[in-house]
């Protein structure tokens, strides 16, 4: 029990050392999943162990941080943490996400080079054993486009709140040069830039593999203050954004266990019926992508709403049947 408490205090110390703005007591309580009074006691214990911690006035509250960071003695990564980093890097590399894979491999090298000799010798055998025992199952699908020069230009514009220029070989006018306000990147089976163009405040998506001559301009282009990339992503089942629909699905008892573990949408509501079936509901756009996904559930899924999704599924089934019926 004492060891567990010490570990949690060290976790809190790492959070306080890793935050440039500092954390309030309420933020500490949420991060550590404890009540406010417990957060106060943990803060005091960390302060006693790390007297360099400081309080910053942020009316009507205070923020706390450890400005000088923590000694490397407290920062030695475990074999499990390093193995997870390698697995994530290998996963990116296997899926074609070369840019992000390279960044994680570079981080791994930095961490290993920062380890003291004794710590490196201690962690190396366990790390090698875990790396040999864990691998990535690569699923079929398109390899995402990740040109490091394109990602670097987008990230430069995002960090500098600058406009972005590129020639786009897609959309209704292929080859036209666009000037946009970059809002972020959506990574998936295909990678997309999310941006606002011209006076239209509605965000649009641009496929990275169709963007050429990408340049961050010396021109201010801050994103709207109320824009959230996560909220934008959550509006759609996949990448495509269209009208938001109220989706209701019934999964039959034969696949109920799978449905209870499945995430159709970040904001889904899932309930199990007395007959063993599972009801799933959420609000999202991207009905065609959803219809394509529901193919994989076979006859175990029933579309309750919206009617347009059901009609789209029937249309897709008829098209597939026509293509294969006479083969």
Protein backbone atom coordinates (compact mmCIF):
# COMPACT_ATOMS: atom_id res chain seq x y z
CA UNK A 1 0.00 0.00 0.00
CA UNK A 2 2.80 2.41 0.91
CA UNK A 3 4.57 1.58 -2.35
CA UNK A 4 1.37 2.32 -4.28
CA UNK A 5 0.99 5.70 -2.55
CA UNK A 6 4.61 6.58 -3.33
CA UNK A 7 4.07 5.67 -6.99
CA UNK A 8 0.97 7.86 -7.22
CA UNK A 9 2.79 10.78 -5.59
CA UNK A 10 5.60 10.40 -8.11
CA UNK A 11 3.01 10.34 -10.92
CA UNK A 12 1.59 13.62 -9.61
CA UNK A 13 5.09 15.09 -9.34
CA UNK A 14 5.70 14.19 -12.99
CA UNK A 15 2.47 15.92 -13.98
CA UNK A 16 3.45 19.05 -12.07
CA UNK A 17 6.94 19.01 -13.59
CA UNK A 18 5.55 18.49 -17.09
CA UNK A 19 3.09 21.40 -17.02
CA UNK A 20 4.38 24.86 -17.96
CA UNK A 21 1.20 26.59 -16.71
CA UNK A 22 0.82 24.45 -13.60
CA UNK A 23 -2.23 22.58 -12.32
CA UNK A 24 -5.04 23.67 -10.05
CA UNK A 25 -6.21 21.43 -7.23
CA UNK A 26 -9.30 20.52 -9.22
CA UNK A 27 -7.14 19.55 -12.22
CA UNK A 28 -4.94 17.43 -9.96
CA UNK A 29 -8.02 15.72 -8.54
CA UNK A 30 -9.31 14.89 -12.06
CA UNK A 31 -5.91 13.71 -13.28
CA UNK A 32 -5.40 11.42 -10.27
CA UNK A 33 -9.09 10.41 -10.03
CA UNK A 34 -9.40 11.46 -6.38
CA UNK A 35 -11.43 13.96 -4.36
CA UNK A 36 -10.30 17.51 -3.74
CA UNK A 37 -9.27 16.85 -0.12
CA UNK A 38 -7.14 13.90 -1.19
CA UNK A 39 -5.61 16.06 -3.94
CA UNK A 40 -4.69 18.65 -1.31
CA UNK A 41 -2.94 16.01 0.81
CA UNK A 42 -1.11 14.64 -2.21
CA UNK A 43 -0.02 18.14 -3.23
CA UNK A 44 1.36 18.80 0.26
CA UNK A 45 3.24 15.48 0.24
CA UNK A 46 4.77 16.27 -3.17
CA UNK A 47 5.68 19.76 -1.95
CA UNK A 48 7.48 18.27 1.03
CA UNK A 49 9.44 15.92 -1.24
CA UNK A 50 10.10 18.57 -3.91
CA UNK A 51 10.45 21.95 -2.13
CA UNK A 52 11.21 23.65 -5.46
CA UNK A 53 7.49 23.39 -6.29
CA UNK A 54 5.89 26.82 -6.59
CA UNK A 55 2.41 28.31 -6.39
CA UNK A 56 1.24 30.72 -9.09
CA UNK A 57 -1.65 33.11 -8.52
CA UNK A 58 -4.37 32.58 -11.09
CA UNK A 59 -7.44 34.28 -9.56
CA UNK A 60 -9.77 33.02 -8.30
CA UNK A 61 -7.48 30.02 -7.71
CA UNK A 62 -3.83 28.99 -7.67
CA UNK A 63 -1.75 26.81 -9.94
CA UNK A 64 1.14 24.63 -8.83
CA UNK A 65 4.14 23.40 -10.78
CA UNK A 66 7.69 22.12 -10.40
CA UNK A 67 9.49 24.56 -12.73
CA UNK A 68 12.92 22.93 -12.79
CA UNK A 69 11.64 19.48 -13.70
CA UNK A 70 12.62 16.25 -11.97
CA UNK A 71 16.02 14.65 -11.63
CA UNK A 72 16.66 11.77 -14.04
CA UNK A 73 16.61 9.44 -11.03
CA UNK A 74 12.81 9.81 -11.01
CA UNK A 75 12.40 9.68 -14.79
CA UNK A 76 13.89 6.34 -15.78
CA UNK A 77 11.39 4.64 -18.12
CA UNK A 78 10.39 1.03 -17.49
CA UNK A 79 10.85 -1.81 -19.96
CA UNK A 80 7.07 -1.91 -20.43
CA UNK A 81 6.94 1.80 -21.31
CA UNK A 82 9.81 1.51 -23.79
CA UNK A 83 8.27 -1.61 -25.33
CA UNK A 84 4.94 0.20 -25.75
CA UNK A 85 6.78 3.05 -27.49
CA UNK A 86 8.50 0.61 -29.85
CA UNK A 87 5.22 -1.20 -30.56
CA UNK A 88 3.52 2.10 -31.39
CA UNK A 89 6.40 3.08 -33.69
CA UNK A 90 6.36 -0.33 -35.41
CA UNK A 91 2.59 -0.04 -35.81
CA UNK A 92 2.91 3.31 -37.52
CA UNK A 93 5.70 1.98 -39.77
CA UNK A 94 3.71 -1.14 -40.72
CA UNK A 95 0.65 0.94 -41.65
CA UNK A 96 2.68 3.32 -43.80
CA UNK A 97 2.69 6.24 -41.35
CA UNK A 98 6.41 6.82 -41.86
CA UNK A 99 6.53 10.37 -40.50
CA UNK A 100 5.04 9.50 -37.13
CA UNK A 101 7.04 6.27 -36.96
CA UNK A 102 10.29 8.20 -37.48
CA UNK A 103 9.35 10.63 -34.69
CA UNK A 104 8.73 7.79 -32.22
CA UNK A 105 11.93 5.95 -33.18
CA UNK A 106 13.84 9.21 -32.61
CA UNK A 107 12.17 9.61 -29.21
CA UNK A 108 13.15 6.03 -28.30
CA UNK A 109 16.80 6.74 -29.20
CA UNK A 110 16.79 9.90 -27.08
CA UNK A 111 15.33 8.07 -24.09
CA UNK A 112 17.83 5.23 -24.36
CA UNK A 113 20.77 7.61 -24.76
CA UNK A 114 19.64 9.55 -21.67
CA UNK A 115 19.67 6.43 -19.48
CA UNK A 116 22.63 6.01 -17.19
CA UNK A 117 24.76 2.94 -17.74
CA UNK A 118 23.39 0.91 -14.85
CA UNK A 119 19.78 1.76 -15.69
CA UNK A 120 20.32 0.90 -19.34
CA UNK A 121 21.88 -2.46 -18.50
CA UNK A 122 19.01 -3.24 -16.14
CA UNK A 123 16.21 -2.44 -18.58
CA UNK A 124 17.79 -3.82 -21.77
CA UNK A 125 17.14 -7.58 -21.24
CA UNK A 126 13.48 -7.09 -20.30
CA UNK A 127 12.98 -4.66 -23.18
CA UNK A 128 14.46 -7.11 -25.70
CA UNK A 129 12.26 -9.93 -24.37
CA UNK A 130 9.11 -7.81 -24.67
CA UNK A 131 9.99 -6.59 -28.16
CA UNK A 132 10.50 -10.18 -29.31
CA UNK A 133 7.19 -11.26 -27.74
CA UNK A 134 4.96 -8.46 -29.06
CA UNK A 135 4.17 -7.50 -32.64
CA UNK A 136 1.54 -5.72 -34.71
CA UNK A 137 -1.21 -7.45 -36.67
CA UNK A 138 -1.45 -5.46 -39.90
CA UNK A 139 -5.01 -5.16 -41.22
CA UNK A 140 -5.77 -4.76 -44.93
CA UNK A 141 -6.61 -1.27 -46.13
CA UNK A 142 -5.11 1.80 -47.79
CA UNK A 143 -1.69 2.92 -46.62
CA UNK A 144 -1.93 6.49 -45.30
CA UNK A 145 0.06 9.15 -47.14
CA UNK A 146 2.63 10.80 -44.87
CA UNK A 147 5.12 12.98 -46.68
CA UNK A 148 7.33 14.50 -43.98
CA UNK A 149 7.74 17.75 -45.92
CA UNK A 150 3.95 18.15 -46.22
CA UNK A 151 3.43 17.42 -42.51
CA UNK A 152 6.25 19.80 -41.56
CA UNK A 153 4.74 22.66 -43.58
CA UNK A 154 1.28 22.10 -42.08
CA UNK A 155 2.65 21.93 -38.55
CA UNK A 156 4.70 25.09 -39.09
CA UNK A 157 1.56 26.94 -40.16
CA UNK A 158 -0.48 25.55 -37.24
CA UNK A 159 2.15 26.46 -34.65
CA UNK A 160 2.69 29.93 -36.11
CA UNK A 161 -1.04 30.65 -36.69
CA UNK A 162 -0.15 31.22 -40.35
CA UNK A 163 -2.04 30.74 -43.60
CA UNK A 164 -1.21 27.70 -45.71
CA UNK A 165 -0.90 27.58 -49.50
CA UNK A 166 -0.94 24.45 -51.68
CA UNK A 167 -1.94 23.17 -55.11
CA UNK A 168 -4.80 20.72 -54.71
CA UNK A 169 -5.29 17.92 -57.22
CA UNK A 170 -8.79 17.14 -56.04
CA UNK A 171 -12.19 18.69 -55.47
CA UNK A 172 -14.23 20.43 -58.13
CA UNK A 173 -11.26 22.34 -59.60
CA UNK A 174 -8.19 20.03 -59.67
CA UNK A 175 -4.88 21.87 -59.93
CA UNK A 176 -6.12 25.10 -58.33
CA UNK A 177 -3.91 26.75 -55.71
CA UNK A 178 -5.69 27.10 -52.36
CA UNK A 179 -4.99 29.45 -49.47
CA UNK A 180 -6.52 28.26 -46.22
CA UNK A 181 -6.52 28.63 -42.46
CA UNK A 182 -5.18 25.27 -41.18
CA UNK A 183 -7.16 23.83 -38.27
CA UNK A 184 -5.52 20.43 -37.82
CA UNK A 185 -4.86 16.99 -39.27
CA UNK A 186 -7.12 13.94 -39.14
CA UNK A 187 -5.11 10.73 -39.22
CA UNK A 188 -6.84 7.54 -40.39
CA UNK A 189 -6.89 5.14 -43.32
CA UNK A 190 -6.38 8.31 -45.36
CA UNK A 191 -4.96 11.47 -43.82
CA UNK A 192 -6.70 14.82 -44.19
CA UNK A 193 -5.98 18.46 -43.53
CA UNK A 194 -8.91 20.23 -41.85
CA UNK A 195 -9.00 23.88 -42.88
CA UNK A 196 -11.22 26.88 -43.50
CA UNK A 197 -11.06 28.46 -46.95
CA UNK A 198 -12.03 31.99 -47.91
CA UNK A 199 -14.96 33.53 -46.08
CA UNK A 200 -16.72 30.22 -45.55
CA UNK A 201 -16.38 29.46 -41.81
CA UNK A 202 -17.33 25.80 -42.28
CA UNK A 203 -14.25 23.54 -42.00
CA UNK A 204 -13.35 21.46 -45.04
CA UNK A 205 -11.12 18.41 -45.49
CA UNK A 206 -8.28 18.04 -48.00
CA UNK A 207 -6.50 14.74 -48.65
CA UNK A 208 -2.78 15.06 -47.93
CA UNK A 209 -1.82 12.88 -50.90
CA UNK A 210 -3.48 15.37 -53.25
CA UNK A 211 -1.68 18.42 -51.83
CA UNK A 212 1.44 19.71 -53.60
CA UNK A 213 3.77 22.69 -53.16
CA UNK A 214 2.62 23.07 -49.56
CA UNK A 215 3.92 26.29 -48.01
CA UNK A 216 3.33 28.13 -44.74
CA UNK A 217 2.76 31.79 -45.64
CA UNK A 218 3.97 34.83 -43.73
CA UNK A 219 0.36 35.82 -43.22
CA UNK A 220 -1.63 35.55 -39.98
CA UNK A 221 -4.47 33.02 -40.01
CA UNK A 222 -5.59 32.15 -36.48
CA UNK A 223 -8.28 29.47 -36.12
CA UNK A 224 -11.71 30.39 -34.68
CA UNK A 225 -11.54 30.49 -30.88
CA UNK A 226 -14.48 28.10 -30.52
CA UNK A 227 -13.16 25.47 -32.96
CA UNK A 228 -12.40 21.99 -31.62
CA UNK A 229 -10.79 19.44 -33.93
CA UNK A 230 -12.03 16.60 -31.73
CA UNK A 231 -15.60 17.91 -31.82
CA UNK A 232 -15.35 18.23 -35.62
CA UNK A 233 -14.10 14.64 -35.91
CA UNK A 234 -16.87 13.38 -33.63
CA UNK A 235 -19.54 14.81 -35.95
CA UNK A 236 -18.90 12.09 -38.51
CA UNK A 237 -18.78 8.30 -38.46
CA UNK A 238 -15.59 8.48 -40.55
CA UNK A 239 -13.97 11.27 -42.51
CA UNK A 240 -16.82 12.54 -44.68
CA UNK A 241 -18.99 15.23 -43.15
CA UNK A 242 -22.60 15.64 -44.21
CA UNK A 243 -25.92 16.20 -42.43
CA UNK A 244 -25.97 15.00 -38.82
CA UNK A 245 -28.34 12.05 -38.40
CA UNK A 246 -29.74 10.22 -35.37
CA UNK A 247 -28.53 6.65 -35.88
CA UNK A 248 -30.17 3.71 -34.10
CA UNK A 249 -28.97 0.15 -34.62
CA UNK A 250 -30.07 -3.21 -33.20
CA UNK A 251 -27.42 -5.93 -32.98
CA UNK A 252 -28.82 -9.46 -32.66
CA UNK A 253 -28.09 -11.72 -29.67
CA UNK A 254 -25.57 -13.76 -31.69
CA UNK A 255 -23.23 -10.72 -31.87
CA UNK A 256 -24.28 -9.02 -28.63
CA UNK A 257 -20.96 -9.67 -26.90
CA UNK A 258 -19.08 -8.10 -29.82
CA UNK A 259 -21.43 -5.10 -29.89
CA UNK A 260 -20.97 -4.42 -26.18
CA UNK A 261 -17.20 -4.16 -26.72
CA UNK A 262 -17.42 -2.27 -30.03
CA UNK A 263 -17.10 1.47 -30.44
CA UNK A 264 -19.26 2.65 -33.32
CA UNK A 265 -18.94 6.30 -32.31
CA UNK A 266 -17.31 8.26 -29.45
CA UNK A 267 -20.70 9.52 -28.25
CA UNK A 268 -22.66 6.29 -28.58
CA UNK A 269 -25.26 5.09 -26.09
CA UNK A 270 -25.40 1.31 -25.71
CA UNK A 271 -28.04 -0.77 -23.91
CA UNK A 272 -28.88 -4.46 -23.82
CA UNK A 273 -32.46 -5.62 -24.33
CA UNK A 274 -34.20 -8.45 -22.41
CA UNK A 275 -33.98 -10.70 -25.50
CA UNK A 276 -30.18 -10.34 -25.52
CA UNK A 277 -29.98 -7.92 -28.45
CA UNK A 278 -28.06 -4.65 -28.14
CA UNK A 279 -29.30 -1.18 -29.06
CA UNK A 280 -26.74 1.37 -30.18
CA UNK A 281 -27.57 5.04 -30.81
CA UNK A 282 -25.49 8.10 -31.68
CA UNK A 283 -25.61 11.28 -33.75
CA UNK A 284 -23.21 11.60 -36.67
CA UNK A 285 -22.77 12.29 -40.37
CA UNK A 286 -20.96 10.09 -42.88
CA UNK A 287 -23.78 7.65 -43.62
CA UNK A 288 -22.12 6.02 -46.62
CA UNK A 289 -19.03 5.12 -44.59
CA UNK A 290 -21.32 3.77 -41.88
CA UNK A 291 -23.19 1.65 -44.43
CA UNK A 292 -19.89 0.23 -45.67
CA UNK A 293 -18.93 -0.64 -42.10
CA UNK A 294 -22.28 -2.28 -41.35
CA UNK A 295 -21.61 -4.72 -44.22
CA UNK A 296 -19.11 -6.39 -41.87
CA UNK A 297 -21.89 -7.22 -39.38
CA UNK A 298 -23.82 -9.29 -41.93
CA UNK A 299 -27.37 -10.15 -40.87
CA UNK A 300 -26.62 -9.47 -37.19
CA UNK A 301 -27.41 -5.75 -37.54
CA UNK A 302 -30.75 -4.05 -38.16
CA UNK A 303 -30.87 -0.35 -39.05
CA UNK A 304 -33.70 1.26 -37.10
CA UNK A 305 -32.97 4.84 -38.17
CA UNK A 306 -32.49 6.99 -40.12
CA UNK A 307 -34.53 5.71 -43.09
CA UNK A 308 -31.96 7.15 -45.49
CA UNK A 309 -29.23 4.93 -44.06
CA UNK A 310 -31.44 1.86 -44.45
CA UNK A 311 -32.20 2.81 -48.06
CA UNK A 312 -28.51 3.41 -48.73
CA UNK A 313 -27.65 -0.02 -47.33
CA UNK A 314 -30.27 -1.67 -49.59
CA UNK A 315 -28.85 0.21 -52.58
CA UNK A 316 -25.30 -0.90 -51.77
CA UNK A 317 -26.46 -4.51 -51.32
CA UNK A 318 -28.25 -4.48 -54.68
CA UNK A 319 -25.17 -3.06 -56.39
CA UNK A 320 -22.93 -5.72 -54.85
CA UNK A 321 -25.43 -8.47 -55.73
CA UNK A 322 -25.66 -7.28 -59.33
CA UNK A 323 -21.88 -7.37 -59.64
CA UNK A 324 -21.56 -10.92 -58.31
CA UNK A 325 -24.86 -12.67 -59.04
CA UNK A 326 -23.96 -13.76 -62.56
CA UNK A 327 -20.28 -14.35 -61.93
